[in-house]
Amino acid sequence: MTGTPTAASSPEPSLEPTLERAADAGVAWSTLHADAVARLESWPAPDARQEQLRLDFLAHLAAHPDAMSKAGPPAHLTGSVIVLDEDGGSALLTLHRRAREWFQFGGHYEPGDASVWHAATREAREESGIEDIAALPEIVQLDRHVLVGDFGTCREHLDIRFAAVTARDTRASVSTESIDVRWWPVDELPVGTRDELAPLVAAGLRATRS
């Protein structure tokens, strides 16, 4: 692969917020909720397991108007990004401060996020310190996982995942939510989270090479 790939669908708008940080948080969560529903309804899941998760996410959103908020139900939606280098040989991961494991960048939605894509891109920029990271517009994977550790009232995350590409020599930095940030070869992913990360990396590679 040479250079940064171009997604097949229309690109997302600029990351500059199109939604002002609302005084009425209910309006903001409603906007994010509607965006998540629209994206999931139109997403062509690549296999039966991902299709079942797509349907589960939609059912959860239908049952919980506050499903996008960390202050909502114990199981709520999150967004994340797997960041790959330009030749697809390495993934940039963060050693999560609470979980003490290596993961892709991601986290909770905020009322000022204009869409689930904007939120995932914001999280990738905040946690990597790389200001020009922008996720590709299409969902690459869904994941539902129970949380283990000190996560307060959060007990389960329903994660909408995207992919991004940045140069291998781009300077990254550690955020307050991380212990470390570094590149890992895609064929030597960290042992503790390899089983979870390998399918996500594969999904990200398919998206970035399409």
C-alpha atoms as a PDB file:
ATOM      1  CA  MET A   1       0.000   0.000   0.000  1.00  0.00           C
ATOM      2  CA  THR A   2       1.338   3.428  -0.886  1.00  0.00           C
ATOM      3  CA  GLY A   3       0.133   6.615   0.723  1.00  0.00           C
ATOM      4  CA  THR A   4      -3.060   7.110   2.700  1.00  0.00           C
ATOM      5  CA  PRO A   5      -5.990   5.165   1.219  1.00  0.00           C
ATOM      6  CA  THR A   6      -9.198   6.835   0.153  1.00  0.00           C
ATOM      7  CA  ALA A   7     -12.512   5.529   1.422  1.00  0.00           C
ATOM      8  CA  ALA A   8     -15.007   4.425  -1.192  1.00  0.00           C
ATOM      9  CA  SER A   9     -17.883   6.418   0.266  1.00  0.00           C
ATOM     10  CA  SER A  10     -18.207  10.169   0.635  1.00  0.00           C
ATOM     11  CA  PRO A  11     -15.858  11.628   3.262  1.00  0.00           C
ATOM     12  CA  GLU A  12     -17.132  12.917   6.553  1.00  0.00           C
ATOM     13  CA  PRO A  13     -17.392  16.665   7.087  1.00  0.00           C
ATOM     14  CA  SER A  14     -14.595  18.555   8.781  1.00  0.00           C
ATOM     15  CA  LEU A  15     -13.950  17.670  12.396  1.00  0.00           C
ATOM     16  CA  GLU A  16     -14.779  21.257  13.305  1.00  0.00           C
ATOM     17  CA  PRO A  17     -17.906  20.797  15.432  1.00  0.00           C
ATOM     18  CA  THR A  18     -21.201  21.192  13.597  1.00  0.00           C
ATOM     19  CA  LEU A  19     -22.995  20.807  16.904  1.00  0.00           C
ATOM     20  CA  GLU A  20     -22.451  23.466  19.570  1.00  0.00           C
ATOM     21  CA  ARG A  21     -21.936  22.115  23.087  1.00  0.00           C
ATOM     22  CA  ALA A  22     -25.597  22.192  23.950  1.00  0.00           C
ATOM     23  CA  ALA A  23     -27.031  23.774  27.065  1.00  0.00           C
ATOM     24  CA  ASP A  24     -29.737  21.153  26.812  1.00  0.00           C
ATOM     25  CA  ALA A  25     -27.753  17.903  27.012  1.00  0.00           C
ATOM     26  CA  GLY A  26     -30.871  15.976  26.043  1.00  0.00           C
ATOM     27  CA  VAL A  27     -30.769  17.515  22.579  1.00  0.00           C
ATOM     28  CA  ALA A  28     -27.124  16.569  22.171  1.00  0.00           C
ATOM     29  CA  TRP A  29     -27.657  12.955  23.254  1.00  0.00           C
ATOM     30  CA  SER A  30     -30.690  12.730  20.984  1.00  0.00           C
ATOM     31  CA  THR A  31     -28.565  13.867  18.030  1.00  0.00           C
ATOM     32  CA  LEU A  32     -25.874  11.279  18.757  1.00  0.00           C
ATOM     33  CA  HIS A  33     -28.517   8.611  19.327  1.00  0.00           C
ATOM     34  CA  ALA A  34     -30.117   9.325  15.942  1.00  0.00           C
ATOM     35  CA  ASP A  35     -26.723   9.307  14.233  1.00  0.00           C
ATOM     36  CA  ALA A  36     -25.812   5.927  15.739  1.00  0.00           C
ATOM     37  CA  VAL A  37     -29.140   4.445  14.674  1.00  0.00           C
ATOM     38  CA  ALA A  38     -28.789   5.770  11.124  1.00  0.00           C
ATOM     39  CA  ARG A  39     -25.249   4.437  10.724  1.00  0.00           C
ATOM     40  CA  LEU A  40     -26.071   1.029  12.163  1.00  0.00           C
ATOM     41  CA  GLU A  41     -29.210   0.685  10.055  1.00  0.00           C
ATOM     42  CA  SER A  42     -27.234   1.332   6.866  1.00  0.00           C
ATOM     43  CA  TRP A  43     -24.076  -0.622   7.776  1.00  0.00           C
ATOM     44  CA  PRO A  44     -23.545  -3.844   5.773  1.00  0.00           C
ATOM     45  CA  ALA A  45     -22.221  -6.229   8.430  1.00  0.00           C
ATOM     46  CA  PRO A  46     -19.453  -8.465   7.024  1.00  0.00           C
ATOM     47  CA  ASP A  47     -20.554 -11.710   8.717  1.00  0.00           C
ATOM     48  CA  ALA A  48     -23.292 -13.310  10.826  1.00  0.00           C
ATOM     49  CA  ARG A  49     -21.688 -12.432  14.174  1.00  0.00           C
ATOM     50  CA  GLN A  50     -21.334  -8.770  13.260  1.00  0.00           C
ATOM     51  CA  GLU A  51     -24.894  -8.748  11.930  1.00  0.00           C
ATOM     52  CA  GLN A  52     -26.180 -10.054  15.263  1.00  0.00           C
ATOM     53  CA  LEU A  53     -24.237  -7.357  17.088  1.00  0.00           C
ATOM     54  CA  ARG A  54     -25.656  -4.739  14.712  1.00  0.00           C
ATOM     55  CA  LEU A  55     -29.183  -5.896  15.582  1.00  0.00           C
ATOM     56  CA  ASP A  56     -28.339  -6.038  19.302  1.00  0.00           C
ATOM     57  CA  PHE A  57     -26.997  -2.473  19.221  1.00  0.00           C
ATOM     58  CA  LEU A  58     -30.117  -1.223  17.462  1.00  0.00           C
ATOM     59  CA  ALA A  59     -32.356  -3.002  19.987  1.00  0.00           C
ATOM     60  CA  HIS A  60     -30.372  -1.470  22.854  1.00  0.00           C
ATOM     61  CA  LEU A  61     -30.685   1.995  21.334  1.00  0.00           C
ATOM     62  CA  ALA A  62     -34.436   1.506  20.861  1.00  0.00           C
ATOM     63  CA  ALA A  63     -34.804   0.502  24.508  1.00  0.00           C
ATOM     64  CA  HIS A  64     -32.573   3.246  25.938  1.00  0.00           C
ATOM     65  CA  PRO A  65     -32.855   6.854  24.709  1.00  0.00           C
ATOM     66  CA  ASP A  66     -29.835   7.648  26.928  1.00  0.00           C
ATOM     67  CA  ALA A  67     -27.696   4.771  25.578  1.00  0.00           C
ATOM     68  CA  MET A  68     -25.067   7.186  24.242  1.00  0.00           C
ATOM     69  CA  SER A  69     -24.383   8.740  27.647  1.00  0.00           C
ATOM     70  CA  LYS A  70     -21.916   7.448  30.236  1.00  0.00           C
ATOM     71  CA  ALA A  71     -24.534   8.495  32.790  1.00  0.00           C
ATOM     72  CA  GLY A  72     -27.112   6.325  31.041  1.00  0.00           C
ATOM     73  CA  PRO A  73     -27.653   2.591  31.502  1.00  0.00           C
ATOM     74  CA  PRO A  74     -24.795   0.423  32.839  1.00  0.00           C
ATOM     75  CA  ALA A  75     -24.383  -0.879  29.269  1.00  0.00           C
ATOM     76  CA  HIS A  76     -23.859   2.021  26.880  1.00  0.00           C
ATOM     77  CA  LEU A  77     -22.292   2.853  23.545  1.00  0.00           C
ATOM     78  CA  THR A  78     -18.700   3.948  23.022  1.00  0.00           C
ATOM     79  CA  GLY A  79     -16.551   4.748  19.982  1.00  0.00           C
ATOM     80  CA  SER A  80     -13.008   3.774  19.072  1.00  0.00           C
ATOM     81  CA  VAL A  81     -10.389   3.838  16.297  1.00  0.00           C
ATOM     82  CA  ILE A  82      -7.701   1.361  15.295  1.00  0.00           C
ATOM     83  CA  VAL A  83      -4.788   3.421  13.968  1.00  0.00           C
ATOM     84  CA  LEU A  84      -2.562   1.728  11.368  1.00  0.00           C
ATOM     85  CA  ASP A  85       0.592   2.873   9.633  1.00  0.00           C
ATOM     86  CA  GLU A  86       0.726   3.494   5.893  1.00  0.00           C
ATOM     87  CA  ASP A  87       1.828   0.016   4.861  1.00  0.00           C
ATOM     88  CA  GLY A  88      -0.466  -1.772   7.315  1.00  0.00           C
ATOM     89  CA  GLY A  89       2.417  -3.396   9.159  1.00  0.00           C
ATOM     90  CA  SER A  90       1.911  -1.754  12.558  1.00  0.00           C
ATOM     91  CA  ALA A  91      -0.896  -0.586  14.829  1.00  0.00           C
ATOM     92  CA  LEU A  92      -0.628   2.317  17.271  1.00  0.00           C
ATOM     93  CA  LEU A  93      -2.011   1.209  20.641  1.00  0.00           C
ATOM     94  CA  THR A  94      -2.470   2.676  24.102  1.00  0.00           C
ATOM     95  CA  LEU A  95      -1.751   0.995  27.430  1.00  0.00           C
ATOM     96  CA  HIS A  96      -4.987   1.889  29.216  1.00  0.00           C
ATOM     97  CA  ARG A  97      -4.439   3.293  32.699  1.00  0.00           C
ATOM     98  CA  ARG A  98      -7.455   1.626  34.313  1.00  0.00           C
ATOM     99  CA  ALA A  99      -7.557  -1.655  32.418  1.00  0.00           C
ATOM    100  CA  ARG A 100      -3.753  -2.080  32.369  1.00  0.00           C
ATOM    101  CA  GLU A 101      -4.027  -3.628  28.912  1.00  0.00           C
ATOM    102  CA  TRP A 102      -3.173  -2.519  25.369  1.00  0.00           C
ATOM    103  CA  PHE A 103      -6.110  -1.345  23.271  1.00  0.00           C
ATOM    104  CA  GLN A 104      -7.064   0.861  20.344  1.00  0.00           C
ATOM    105  CA  PHE A 105      -7.955   4.489  21.130  1.00  0.00           C
ATOM    106  CA  GLY A 106     -11.498   5.194  22.196  1.00  0.00           C
ATOM    107  CA  GLY A 107     -13.950   6.122  24.894  1.00  0.00           C
ATOM    108  CA  HIS A 108     -17.273   7.661  25.783  1.00  0.00           C
ATOM    109  CA  TYR A 109     -19.342  10.095  23.785  1.00  0.00           C
ATOM    110  CA  GLU A 110     -19.657  13.711  24.881  1.00  0.00           C
ATOM    111  CA  PRO A 111     -22.581  16.102  24.367  1.00  0.00           C
ATOM    112  CA  GLY A 112     -20.474  18.292  22.061  1.00  0.00           C
ATOM    113  CA  ASP A 113     -19.769  15.456  19.593  1.00  0.00           C
ATOM    114  CA  ALA A 114     -21.552  16.013  16.284  1.00  0.00           C
ATOM    115  CA  SER A 115     -21.630  12.305  15.363  1.00  0.00           C
ATOM    116  CA  VAL A 116     -20.242   8.942  16.401  1.00  0.00           C
ATOM    117  CA  TRP A 117     -17.494   9.447  13.785  1.00  0.00           C
ATOM    118  CA  HIS A 118     -16.535  12.813  15.256  1.00  0.00           C
ATOM    119  CA  ALA A 119     -16.424  11.272  18.742  1.00  0.00           C
ATOM    120  CA  ALA A 120     -14.182   8.393  17.674  1.00  0.00           C
ATOM    121  CA  THR A 121     -11.824  10.772  15.871  1.00  0.00           C
ATOM    122  CA  ARG A 122     -11.743  13.098  18.895  1.00  0.00           C
ATOM    123  CA  GLU A 123     -10.831  10.191  21.162  1.00  0.00           C
ATOM    124  CA  ALA A 124      -8.053   9.073  18.806  1.00  0.00           C
ATOM    125  CA  ARG A 125      -6.588  12.591  18.724  1.00  0.00           C
ATOM    126  CA  GLU A 126      -6.828  13.117  22.483  1.00  0.00           C
ATOM    127  CA  GLU A 127      -5.342   9.751  23.427  1.00  0.00           C
ATOM    128  CA  SER A 128      -2.578   9.650  20.794  1.00  0.00           C
ATOM    129  CA  GLY A 129      -1.600  13.318  20.799  1.00  0.00           C
ATOM    130  CA  ILE A 130      -1.707  13.251  16.988  1.00  0.00           C
ATOM    131  CA  GLU A 131      -3.823  16.218  15.953  1.00  0.00           C
ATOM    132  CA  ASP A 132      -4.419  15.304  12.314  1.00  0.00           C
ATOM    133  CA  ILE A 133      -5.730  11.746  12.767  1.00  0.00           C
ATOM    134  CA  ALA A 134      -9.128  11.343  11.110  1.00  0.00           C
ATOM    135  CA  ALA A 135     -11.014   8.056  11.024  1.00  0.00           C
ATOM    136  CA  LEU A 136     -12.284   6.712   7.739  1.00  0.00           C
ATOM    137  CA  PRO A 137     -16.039   7.297   7.494  1.00  0.00           C
ATOM    138  CA  GLU A 138     -17.307   3.710   7.544  1.00  0.00           C
ATOM    139  CA  ILE A 139     -17.738   1.484  10.601  1.00  0.00           C
ATOM    140  CA  VAL A 140     -15.236  -1.380  10.472  1.00  0.00           C
ATOM    141  CA  GLN A 141     -16.349  -3.493  13.438  1.00  0.00           C
ATOM    142  CA  LEU A 142     -18.747  -3.722  16.379  1.00  0.00           C
ATOM    143  CA  ASP A 143     -17.821  -5.197  19.746  1.00  0.00           C
ATOM    144  CA  ARG A 144     -19.681  -5.806  22.988  1.00  0.00           C
ATOM    145  CA  HIS A 145     -17.665  -6.493  26.123  1.00  0.00           C
ATOM    146  CA  VAL A 146     -18.147  -6.631  29.880  1.00  0.00           C
ATOM    147  CA  LEU A 147     -15.800  -4.370  31.841  1.00  0.00           C
ATOM    148  CA  VAL A 148     -13.449  -5.732  34.480  1.00  0.00           C
ATOM    149  CA  GLY A 149     -11.834  -3.277  36.869  1.00  0.00           C
ATOM    150  CA  ASP A 150     -12.509   0.198  38.251  1.00  0.00           C
ATOM    151  CA  PHE A 151     -15.004   1.622  35.764  1.00  0.00           C
ATOM    152  CA  GLY A 152     -17.564   3.068  38.165  1.00  0.00           C
ATOM    153  CA  THR A 153     -21.154   2.482  37.091  1.00  0.00           C
ATOM    154  CA  CYS A 154     -20.089   1.379  33.589  1.00  0.00           C
ATOM    155  CA  ARG A 155     -20.493  -2.378  33.342  1.00  0.00           C
ATOM    156  CA  GLU A 156     -20.572  -3.040  29.589  1.00  0.00           C
ATOM    157  CA  HIS A 157     -19.489  -1.226  26.430  1.00  0.00           C
ATOM    158  CA  LEU A 158     -21.141  -1.516  23.040  1.00  0.00           C
ATOM    159  CA  ASP A 159     -18.306  -0.217  20.892  1.00  0.00           C
ATOM    160  CA  ILE A 160     -18.638   1.242  17.377  1.00  0.00           C
ATOM    161  CA  ARG A 161     -15.207   0.978  15.766  1.00  0.00           C
ATOM    162  CA  PHE A 162     -13.510   2.859  12.950  1.00  0.00           C
ATOM    163  CA  ALA A 163     -10.043   2.801  11.350  1.00  0.00           C
ATOM    164  CA  ALA A 164      -7.465   5.492  10.575  1.00  0.00           C
ATOM    165  CA  VAL A 165      -4.051   5.688   8.920  1.00  0.00           C
ATOM    166  CA  THR A 166      -1.083   7.819   9.954  1.00  0.00           C
ATOM    167  CA  ALA A 167       2.619   7.808   9.122  1.00  0.00           C
ATOM    168  CA  ARG A 168       4.785   5.462  11.170  1.00  0.00           C
ATOM    169  CA  ASP A 169       7.142   8.318  12.132  1.00  0.00           C
ATOM    170  CA  THR A 170       4.344  10.570  13.388  1.00  0.00           C
ATOM    171  CA  ARG A 171       5.110  11.686  16.934  1.00  0.00           C
ATOM    172  CA  ALA A 172       2.585  10.365  19.479  1.00  0.00           C
ATOM    173  CA  SER A 173       2.241  11.278  23.149  1.00  0.00           C
ATOM    174  CA  VAL A 174       0.703   9.777  26.272  1.00  0.00           C
ATOM    175  CA  SER A 175      -2.565  11.191  27.614  1.00  0.00           C
ATOM    176  CA  THR A 176      -3.808  11.204  31.195  1.00  0.00           C
ATOM    177  CA  GLU A 177      -5.863   8.081  30.404  1.00  0.00           C
ATOM    178  CA  SER A 178      -2.835   6.052  29.316  1.00  0.00           C
ATOM    179  CA  ILE A 179       0.396   4.654  30.699  1.00  0.00           C
ATOM    180  CA  ASP A 180       2.078   4.317  27.300  1.00  0.00           C
ATOM    181  CA  VAL A 181       1.428   4.720  23.571  1.00  0.00           C
ATOM    182  CA  ARG A 182       3.466   2.850  20.992  1.00  0.00           C
ATOM    183  CA  TRP A 183       3.473   0.990  17.692  1.00  0.00           C
ATOM    184  CA  TRP A 184       3.035  -2.783  17.632  1.00  0.00           C
ATOM    185  CA  PRO A 185       3.687  -5.020  14.592  1.00  0.00           C
ATOM    186  CA  VAL A 186       0.312  -6.414  13.475  1.00  0.00           C
ATOM    187  CA  ASP A 187       1.734  -9.949  13.589  1.00  0.00           C
ATOM    188  CA  GLU A 188       3.103  -9.449  17.132  1.00  0.00           C
ATOM    189  CA  LEU A 189       0.201  -7.803  18.961  1.00  0.00           C
ATOM    190  CA  PRO A 190       0.312  -7.718  22.797  1.00  0.00           C
ATOM    191  CA  VAL A 191      -0.436 -11.109  24.296  1.00  0.00           C
ATOM    192  CA  GLY A 192      -3.065  -9.972  26.798  1.00  0.00           C
ATOM    193  CA  THR A 193      -5.381  -8.453  24.202  1.00  0.00           C
ATOM    194  CA  ARG A 194      -4.205 -10.192  21.020  1.00  0.00           C
ATOM    195  CA  ASP A 195      -7.388 -12.228  20.593  1.00  0.00           C
ATOM    196  CA  GLU A 196      -9.516  -9.074  20.696  1.00  0.00           C
ATOM    197  CA  LEU A 197      -7.199  -6.830  18.702  1.00  0.00           C
ATOM    198  CA  ALA A 198      -6.334  -9.208  15.846  1.00  0.00           C
ATOM    199  CA  PRO A 199      -9.877  -9.242  14.330  1.00  0.00           C
ATOM    200  CA  LEU A 200     -10.101  -5.460  14.696  1.00  0.00           C
ATOM    201  CA  VAL A 201      -6.740  -4.956  12.993  1.00  0.00           C
ATOM    202  CA  ALA A 202      -7.859  -7.277  10.174  1.00  0.00           C
ATOM    203  CA  ALA A 203     -11.093  -5.301   9.789  1.00  0.00           C
ATOM    204  CA  GLY A 204      -9.130  -2.052   9.773  1.00  0.00           C
ATOM    205  CA  LEU A 205      -6.751  -3.363   7.114  1.00  0.00           C
ATOM    206  CA  ARG A 206      -9.676  -4.385   4.900  1.00  0.00           C
ATOM    207  CA  ALA A 207     -11.155  -0.899   5.225  1.00  0.00           C
ATOM    208  CA  THR A 208      -7.922   0.965   4.580  1.00  0.00           C
ATOM    209  CA  ARG A 209      -7.084  -1.158   1.538  1.00  0.00           C
ATOM    210  CA  SER A 210     -10.524  -0.964  -0.074  1.00  0.00           C
END
